[in-house]
């Protein structure tokens, strides 16, 4: 087994989430994504509108294509219905254990 084999085998795959009549794929957050979020939180914890900024980050870090490539940029979020953004952000938080529920687990499947 090579390092590339190991990394590919342990990478989680995007899973569908139904929202607004569509199945969107949500990529489970990677360890590096979590580190990036922690660093971002540390620098922005007193920023106005923090809740909306967190929702935006969750959506841009998770909505992906089948290969795990991210699809949305920050500017794309502004065009989405607020209830859709909130639903996706809540699901990303739940699936990745970021909502405070210790029982939550990511449904991403290994390759």
Protein backbone atom coordinates (compact mmCIF):
# COMPACT_ATOMS: atom_id res chain seq x y z
CA UNK A 1 0.00 0.00 0.00
CA UNK A 2 1.28 3.43 -0.90
CA UNK A 3 0.63 6.72 0.83
CA UNK A 4 -1.64 7.72 -2.08
CA UNK A 5 -3.63 4.48 -1.65
CA UNK A 6 -4.03 5.13 2.06
CA UNK A 7 -5.15 8.73 1.61
CA UNK A 8 -7.60 7.79 -1.15
CA UNK A 9 -9.02 4.93 0.90
CA UNK A 10 -9.62 7.06 3.98
CA UNK A 11 -11.11 10.07 2.18
CA UNK A 12 -14.84 10.51 2.73
CA UNK A 13 -17.12 10.85 -0.26
CA UNK A 14 -19.83 13.47 -0.69
CA UNK A 15 -23.32 12.36 0.27
CA UNK A 16 -26.70 13.69 -0.93
CA UNK A 17 -28.86 16.08 1.04
CA UNK A 18 -32.35 17.01 -0.14
CA UNK A 19 -33.11 20.72 0.03
CA UNK A 20 -35.65 22.81 -1.90
CA UNK A 21 -36.57 19.81 -4.05
CA UNK A 22 -32.97 19.14 -5.09
CA UNK A 23 -30.37 16.62 -4.00
CA UNK A 24 -27.15 18.50 -3.37
CA UNK A 25 -23.93 16.73 -2.46
CA UNK A 26 -22.25 17.67 0.79
CA UNK A 27 -18.60 16.88 1.19
CA UNK A 28 -17.71 15.88 4.76
CA UNK A 29 -15.25 18.35 6.22
CA UNK A 30 -11.67 17.20 6.14
CA UNK A 31 -9.23 17.59 8.99
CA UNK A 32 -7.64 20.54 7.19
CA UNK A 33 -11.06 22.15 6.79
CA UNK A 34 -11.62 21.89 10.53
CA UNK A 35 -8.23 23.46 11.23
CA UNK A 36 -9.06 26.27 8.80
CA UNK A 37 -12.40 26.82 10.56
CA UNK A 38 -10.77 26.97 14.01
CA UNK A 39 -8.25 29.54 12.77
CA UNK A 40 -11.03 31.54 11.13
CA UNK A 41 -13.17 31.44 14.31
CA UNK A 42 -10.22 32.64 16.39
CA UNK A 43 -9.79 35.69 14.18
CA UNK A 44 -13.48 36.53 13.77
CA UNK A 45 -15.23 35.66 17.03
CA UNK A 46 -16.16 39.30 17.75
CA UNK A 47 -17.12 40.22 14.18
CA UNK A 48 -20.64 41.54 13.57
CA UNK A 49 -22.87 39.08 11.72
CA UNK A 50 -20.78 36.11 12.83
CA UNK A 51 -23.69 33.66 12.58
CA UNK A 52 -24.31 34.51 8.93
CA UNK A 53 -20.60 34.33 8.16
CA UNK A 54 -20.40 30.87 9.71
CA UNK A 55 -23.36 29.67 7.64
CA UNK A 56 -21.69 31.01 4.50
CA UNK A 57 -18.43 29.21 5.31
CA UNK A 58 -20.17 25.91 6.03
CA UNK A 59 -22.00 26.02 2.70
CA UNK A 60 -18.96 26.99 0.61
CA UNK A 61 -16.82 24.33 2.33
CA UNK A 62 -19.31 21.50 1.80
CA UNK A 63 -21.46 21.79 -1.36
CA UNK A 64 -19.57 19.76 -3.93
CA UNK A 65 -19.66 17.66 -7.05
CA UNK A 66 -19.45 13.85 -6.92
CA UNK A 67 -15.64 13.96 -6.84
CA UNK A 68 -15.60 16.32 -3.84
CA UNK A 69 -14.75 19.46 -5.81
CA UNK A 70 -16.31 22.51 -4.23
CA UNK A 71 -18.97 24.25 -6.32
CA UNK A 72 -19.88 27.51 -4.61
CA UNK A 73 -17.95 30.69 -3.93
CA UNK A 74 -18.89 33.33 -1.37
CA UNK A 75 -20.59 35.45 -4.05
CA UNK A 76 -22.81 32.51 -5.05
CA UNK A 77 -24.31 32.30 -1.58
CA UNK A 78 -25.89 35.76 -1.93
CA UNK A 79 -28.05 34.49 -4.80
CA UNK A 80 -29.49 31.60 -2.78
CA UNK A 81 -32.67 31.67 -0.74
CA UNK A 82 -31.81 32.30 2.92
CA UNK A 83 -33.79 29.27 4.07
CA UNK A 84 -31.76 27.05 1.72
CA UNK A 85 -28.48 28.43 3.07
CA UNK A 86 -29.66 27.90 6.66
CA UNK A 87 -30.82 24.34 5.93
CA UNK A 88 -27.54 23.39 4.27
CA UNK A 89 -25.45 25.05 6.98
CA UNK A 90 -27.42 23.30 9.72
CA UNK A 91 -26.96 19.94 8.00
CA UNK A 92 -23.22 20.52 7.50
CA UNK A 93 -22.89 21.39 11.19
CA UNK A 94 -24.90 18.32 12.22
CA UNK A 95 -23.07 15.89 9.96
CA UNK A 96 -19.66 17.14 11.01
CA UNK A 97 -20.27 17.34 14.74
CA UNK A 98 -20.16 21.14 14.82
CA UNK A 99 -23.64 21.61 16.27
CA UNK A 100 -22.77 20.55 19.80
CA UNK A 101 -24.45 17.13 19.52
CA UNK A 102 -21.89 14.53 20.64
CA UNK A 103 -23.86 11.76 18.88
CA UNK A 104 -23.60 13.37 15.44
CA UNK A 105 -21.39 11.62 12.94
CA UNK A 106 -20.45 12.26 9.37
CA UNK A 107 -22.26 9.96 6.93
CA UNK A 108 -19.39 10.21 4.47
CA UNK A 109 -18.27 6.84 3.26
CA UNK A 110 -14.72 5.73 2.76
CA UNK A 111 -13.65 5.03 -0.80
